[in-house]
Amino acid sequence: MLCGIDVDIYPGQIIGYIGPNGAGKTTTVKILIGMLPDFEGDEAKSPCHRRYDS
């Protein structure tokens, strides 16, 4: 499940996309470039929660 992603990328723009292992970086890029064409939706059945270690 990918949650809370909101990006604007313009032609010719170079970006850096960082995050911890398993965060969904590769999956997100594959969705954006169309390698995962069956991806649909903007709603989740359950809300996304971030876990913060205290």
PDB file of N, CA and C in Angstrom:
ATOM      1  N   MET A   1       0.842  -1.162   0.000  1.00  0.00           N
ATOM      2  CA  MET A   1       0.000   0.000   0.000  1.00  0.00           C
ATOM      3  C   MET A   1       0.888   1.226   0.000  1.00  0.00           C
ATOM      4  N   LEU A   2       0.638   2.112  -0.921  1.00  0.00           N
ATOM      5  CA  LEU A   2       1.345   3.382  -0.966  1.00  0.00           C
ATOM      6  C   LEU A   2       0.419   4.460  -0.442  1.00  0.00           C
ATOM      7  N   CYS A   3       0.909   5.267   0.469  1.00  0.00           N
ATOM      8  CA  CYS A   3       0.058   6.274   1.097  1.00  0.00           C
ATOM      9  C   CYS A   3       0.738   7.639   1.096  1.00  0.00           C
ATOM     10  N   GLY A   4      -0.073   8.649   0.940  1.00  0.00           N
ATOM     11  CA  GLY A   4       0.406  10.016   1.117  1.00  0.00           C
ATOM     12  C   GLY A   4       1.396  10.481   0.071  1.00  0.00           C
ATOM     13  N   ILE A   5       1.246  10.037  -1.174  1.00  0.00           N
ATOM     14  CA  ILE A   5       2.174  10.443  -2.218  1.00  0.00           C
ATOM     15  C   ILE A   5       1.504  11.514  -3.068  1.00  0.00           C
ATOM     16  N   ASP A   6       2.162  12.652  -3.181  1.00  0.00           N
ATOM     17  CA  ASP A   6       1.659  13.758  -3.978  1.00  0.00           C
ATOM     18  C   ASP A   6       2.869  14.430  -4.614  1.00  0.00           C
ATOM     19  N   VAL A   7       3.055  14.250  -5.931  1.00  0.00           N
ATOM     20  CA  VAL A   7       4.233  14.807  -6.599  1.00  0.00           C
ATOM     21  C   VAL A   7       3.835  15.541  -7.871  1.00  0.00           C
ATOM     22  N   ASP A   8       4.614  16.524  -8.222  1.00  0.00           N
ATOM     23  CA  ASP A   8       4.535  17.208  -9.509  1.00  0.00           C
ATOM     24  C   ASP A   8       5.924  17.113 -10.116  1.00  0.00           C
ATOM     25  N   ILE A   9       6.034  16.435 -11.255  1.00  0.00           N
ATOM     26  CA  ILE A   9       7.307  16.291 -11.947  1.00  0.00           C
ATOM     27  C   ILE A   9       7.110  16.832 -13.356  1.00  0.00           C
ATOM     28  N   TYR A  10       7.978  17.752 -13.750  1.00  0.00           N
ATOM     29  CA  TYR A  10       7.841  18.431 -15.031  1.00  0.00           C
ATOM     30  C   TYR A  10       8.897  17.933 -16.013  1.00  0.00           C
ATOM     31  N   PRO A  11       8.613  18.009 -17.307  1.00  0.00           N
ATOM     32  CA  PRO A  11       9.583  17.567 -18.316  1.00  0.00           C
ATOM     33  C   PRO A  11      10.939  18.235 -18.116  1.00  0.00           C
ATOM     34  N   GLY A  12      11.991  17.431 -18.162  1.00  0.00           N
ATOM     35  CA  GLY A  12      13.348  17.933 -18.003  1.00  0.00           C
ATOM     36  C   GLY A  12      13.795  18.107 -16.570  1.00  0.00           C
ATOM     37  N   GLN A  13      12.901  17.937 -15.639  1.00  0.00           N
ATOM     38  CA  GLN A  13      13.238  18.113 -14.230  1.00  0.00           C
ATOM     39  C   GLN A  13      13.966  16.869 -13.718  1.00  0.00           C
ATOM     40  N   ILE A  14      14.985  17.069 -12.925  1.00  0.00           N
ATOM     41  CA  ILE A  14      15.721  15.977 -12.295  1.00  0.00           C
ATOM     42  C   ILE A  14      15.360  15.994 -10.815  1.00  0.00           C
ATOM     43  N   ILE A  15      14.959  14.830 -10.310  1.00  0.00           N
ATOM     44  CA  ILE A  15      14.560  14.756  -8.905  1.00  0.00           C
ATOM     45  C   ILE A  15      15.362  13.670  -8.195  1.00  0.00           C
ATOM     46  N   GLY A  16      15.393  13.739  -6.892  1.00  0.00           N
ATOM     47  CA  GLY A  16      15.928  12.676  -6.046  1.00  0.00           C
ATOM     48  C   GLY A  16      14.774  12.102  -5.246  1.00  0.00           C
ATOM     49  N   TYR A  17      14.740  10.794  -5.142  1.00  0.00           N
ATOM     50  CA  TYR A  17      13.634  10.122  -4.453  1.00  0.00           C
ATOM     51  C   TYR A  17      14.243   9.173  -3.444  1.00  0.00           C
ATOM     52  N   ILE A  18      14.212   9.530  -2.173  1.00  0.00           N
ATOM     53  CA  ILE A  18      14.891   8.742  -1.152  1.00  0.00           C
ATOM     54  C   ILE A  18      13.908   8.258  -0.097  1.00  0.00           C
ATOM     55  N   GLY A  19      14.292   7.209   0.585  1.00  0.00           N
ATOM     56  CA  GLY A  19      13.477   6.669   1.658  1.00  0.00           C
ATOM     57  C   GLY A  19      14.069   5.354   2.127  1.00  0.00           C
ATOM     58  N   PRO A  20      13.577   4.825   3.222  1.00  0.00           N
ATOM     59  CA  PRO A  20      14.120   3.577   3.755  1.00  0.00           C
ATOM     60  C   PRO A  20      13.780   2.381   2.864  1.00  0.00           C
ATOM     61  N   ASN A  21      14.540   1.300   3.023  1.00  0.00           N
ATOM     62  CA  ASN A  21      14.259   0.064   2.291  1.00  0.00           C
ATOM     63  C   ASN A  21      12.834  -0.382   2.573  1.00  0.00           C
ATOM     64  N   GLY A  22      12.135  -0.791   1.516  1.00  0.00           N
ATOM     65  CA  GLY A  22      10.778  -1.291   1.674  1.00  0.00           C
ATOM     66  C   GLY A  22       9.713  -0.212   1.740  1.00  0.00           C
ATOM     67  N   ALA A  23      10.085   1.033   1.506  1.00  0.00           N
ATOM     68  CA  ALA A  23       9.122   2.135   1.618  1.00  0.00           C
ATOM     69  C   ALA A  23       8.235   2.283   0.387  1.00  0.00           C
ATOM     70  N   GLY A  24       8.596   1.625  -0.717  1.00  0.00           N
ATOM     71  CA  GLY A  24       7.779   1.697  -1.922  1.00  0.00           C
ATOM     72  C   GLY A  24       8.332   2.605  -2.998  1.00  0.00           C
ATOM     73  N   LYS A  25       9.609   2.961  -2.924  1.00  0.00           N
ATOM     74  CA  LYS A  25      10.201   3.857  -3.925  1.00  0.00           C
ATOM     75  C   LYS A  25      10.147   3.254  -5.322  1.00  0.00           C
ATOM     76  N   THR A  26      10.619   2.041  -5.478  1.00  0.00           N
ATOM     77  CA  THR A  26      10.628   1.391  -6.792  1.00  0.00           C
ATOM     78  C   THR A  26       9.216   1.171  -7.293  1.00  0.00           C
ATOM     79  N   THR A  27       8.323   0.741  -6.436  1.00  0.00           N
ATOM     80  CA  THR A  27       6.931   0.533  -6.835  1.00  0.00           C
ATOM     81  C   THR A  27       6.309   1.836  -7.310  1.00  0.00           C
ATOM     82  N   THR A  28       6.565   2.924  -6.619  1.00  0.00           N
ATOM     83  CA  THR A  28       6.020   4.217  -7.003  1.00  0.00           C
ATOM     84  C   THR A  28       6.510   4.627  -8.386  1.00  0.00           C
ATOM     85  N   VAL A  29       7.804   4.476  -8.630  1.00  0.00           N
ATOM     86  CA  VAL A  29       8.361   4.846  -9.936  1.00  0.00           C
ATOM     87  C   VAL A  29       7.766   3.965 -11.027  1.00  0.00           C
ATOM     88  N   LYS A  30       7.627   2.674 -10.772  1.00  0.00           N
ATOM     89  CA  LYS A  30       7.033   1.774 -11.763  1.00  0.00           C
ATOM     90  C   LYS A  30       5.593   2.175 -12.087  1.00  0.00           C
ATOM     91  N   ILE A  31       4.848   2.602 -11.095  1.00  0.00           N
ATOM     92  CA  ILE A  31       3.474   3.069 -11.324  1.00  0.00           C
ATOM     93  C   ILE A  31       3.497   4.347 -12.166  1.00  0.00           C
ATOM     94  N   LEU A  32       4.375   5.283 -11.829  1.00  0.00           N
ATOM     95  CA  LEU A  32       4.435   6.562 -12.531  1.00  0.00           C
ATOM     96  C   LEU A  32       4.811   6.413 -13.995  1.00  0.00           C
ATOM     97  N   ILE A  33       5.684   5.447 -14.318  1.00  0.00           N
ATOM     98  CA  ILE A  33       6.116   5.288 -15.713  1.00  0.00           C
ATOM     99  C   ILE A  33       5.294   4.250 -16.463  1.00  0.00           C
ATOM    100  N   GLY A  34       4.317   3.666 -15.805  1.00  0.00           N
ATOM    101  CA  GLY A  34       3.412   2.754 -16.483  1.00  0.00           C
ATOM    102  C   GLY A  34       3.836   1.307 -16.528  1.00  0.00           C
ATOM    103  N   MET A  35       4.848   0.921 -15.778  1.00  0.00           N
ATOM    104  CA  MET A  35       5.271  -0.480 -15.741  1.00  0.00           C
ATOM    105  C   MET A  35       4.285  -1.354 -14.968  1.00  0.00           C
ATOM    106  N   LEU A  36       3.454  -0.751 -14.145  1.00  0.00           N
ATOM    107  CA  LEU A  36       2.404  -1.471 -13.424  1.00  0.00           C
ATOM    108  C   LEU A  36       1.064  -0.910 -13.882  1.00  0.00           C
ATOM    109  N   PRO A  37       0.624  -1.301 -15.079  1.00  0.00           N
ATOM    110  CA  PRO A  37      -0.563  -0.678 -15.669  1.00  0.00           C
ATOM    111  C   PRO A  37      -1.869  -0.991 -14.964  1.00  0.00           C
ATOM    112  N   ASP A  38      -1.919  -2.038 -14.167  1.00  0.00           N
ATOM    113  CA  ASP A  38      -3.175  -2.402 -13.503  1.00  0.00           C
ATOM    114  C   ASP A  38      -3.404  -1.647 -12.209  1.00  0.00           C
ATOM    115  N   PHE A  39      -2.486  -0.750 -11.856  1.00  0.00           N
ATOM    116  CA  PHE A  39      -2.653   0.020 -10.621  1.00  0.00           C
ATOM    117  C   PHE A  39      -3.778   1.026 -10.812  1.00  0.00           C
ATOM    118  N   GLU A  40      -4.699   1.051  -9.876  1.00  0.00           N
ATOM    119  CA  GLU A  40      -5.810   1.994  -9.924  1.00  0.00           C
ATOM    120  C   GLU A  40      -6.090   2.522  -8.530  1.00  0.00           C
ATOM    121  N   GLY A  41      -6.765   3.627  -8.488  1.00  0.00           N
ATOM    122  CA  GLY A  41      -7.344   4.086  -7.240  1.00  0.00           C
ATOM    123  C   GLY A  41      -6.576   5.167  -6.549  1.00  0.00           C
ATOM    124  N   ASP A  42      -7.313   5.883  -5.736  1.00  0.00           N
ATOM    125  CA  ASP A  42      -6.724   6.901  -4.894  1.00  0.00           C
ATOM    126  C   ASP A  42      -7.284   6.807  -3.484  1.00  0.00           C
ATOM    127  N   GLU A  43      -7.962   5.709  -3.195  1.00  0.00           N
ATOM    128  CA  GLU A  43      -8.519   5.519  -1.862  1.00  0.00           C
ATOM    129  C   GLU A  43      -8.048   4.187  -1.296  1.00  0.00           C
ATOM    130  N   ALA A  44      -7.910   4.149  -0.012  1.00  0.00           N
ATOM    131  CA  ALA A  44      -7.530   2.915   0.665  1.00  0.00           C
ATOM    132  C   ALA A  44      -8.682   2.455   1.540  1.00  0.00           C
ATOM    133  N   LYS A  45      -8.787   1.151   1.739  1.00  0.00           N
ATOM    134  CA  LYS A  45      -9.838   0.628   2.613  1.00  0.00           C
ATOM    135  C   LYS A  45      -9.576   1.007   4.055  1.00  0.00           C
ATOM    136  N   SER A  46      -8.306   1.079   4.409  1.00  0.00           N
ATOM    137  CA  SER A  46      -7.960   1.497   5.770  1.00  0.00           C
ATOM    138  C   SER A  46      -7.032   2.699   5.668  1.00  0.00           C
ATOM    139  N   PRO A  47      -7.118   3.616   6.608  1.00  0.00           N
ATOM    140  CA  PRO A  47      -6.264   4.803   6.547  1.00  0.00           C
ATOM    141  C   PRO A  47      -4.796   4.444   6.720  1.00  0.00           C
ATOM    142  N   CYS A  48      -3.941   5.255   6.145  1.00  0.00           N
ATOM    143  CA  CYS A  48      -2.493   5.040   6.263  1.00  0.00           C
ATOM    144  C   CYS A  48      -2.005   5.640   7.576  1.00  0.00           C
ATOM    145  N   HIS A  49      -1.200   4.900   8.236  1.00  0.00           N
ATOM    146  CA  HIS A  49      -0.632   5.363   9.496  1.00  0.00           C
ATOM    147  C   HIS A  49       0.873   5.244   9.438  1.00  0.00           C
ATOM    148  N   ARG A  50       1.548   6.244   9.914  1.00  0.00           N
ATOM    149  CA  ARG A  50       3.007   6.172  10.039  1.00  0.00           C
ATOM    150  C   ARG A  50       3.328   5.719  11.442  1.00  0.00           C
ATOM    151  N   ARG A  51       4.349   4.899  11.549  1.00  0.00           N
ATOM    152  CA  ARG A  51       4.781   4.419  12.857  1.00  0.00           C
ATOM    153  C   ARG A  51       6.060   5.138  13.227  1.00  0.00           C
ATOM    154  N   TYR A  52       6.044   5.802  14.326  1.00  0.00           N
ATOM    155  CA  TYR A  52       7.207   6.501  14.809  1.00  0.00           C
ATOM    156  C   TYR A  52       7.731   5.824  16.052  1.00  0.00           C
ATOM    157  N   ASP A  53       8.998   5.516  16.051  1.00  0.00           N
ATOM    158  CA  ASP A  53       9.609   4.938  17.240  1.00  0.00           C
ATOM    159  C   ASP A  53       9.912   6.045  18.229  1.00  0.00           C
ATOM    160  N   SER A  54       9.610   5.803  19.500  1.00  0.00           N
ATOM    161  CA  SER A  54       9.829   6.839  20.498  1.00  0.00           C
ATOM    162  C   SER A  54      11.183   6.716  21.126  1.00  0.00           C
TER     163      SER A  54
END
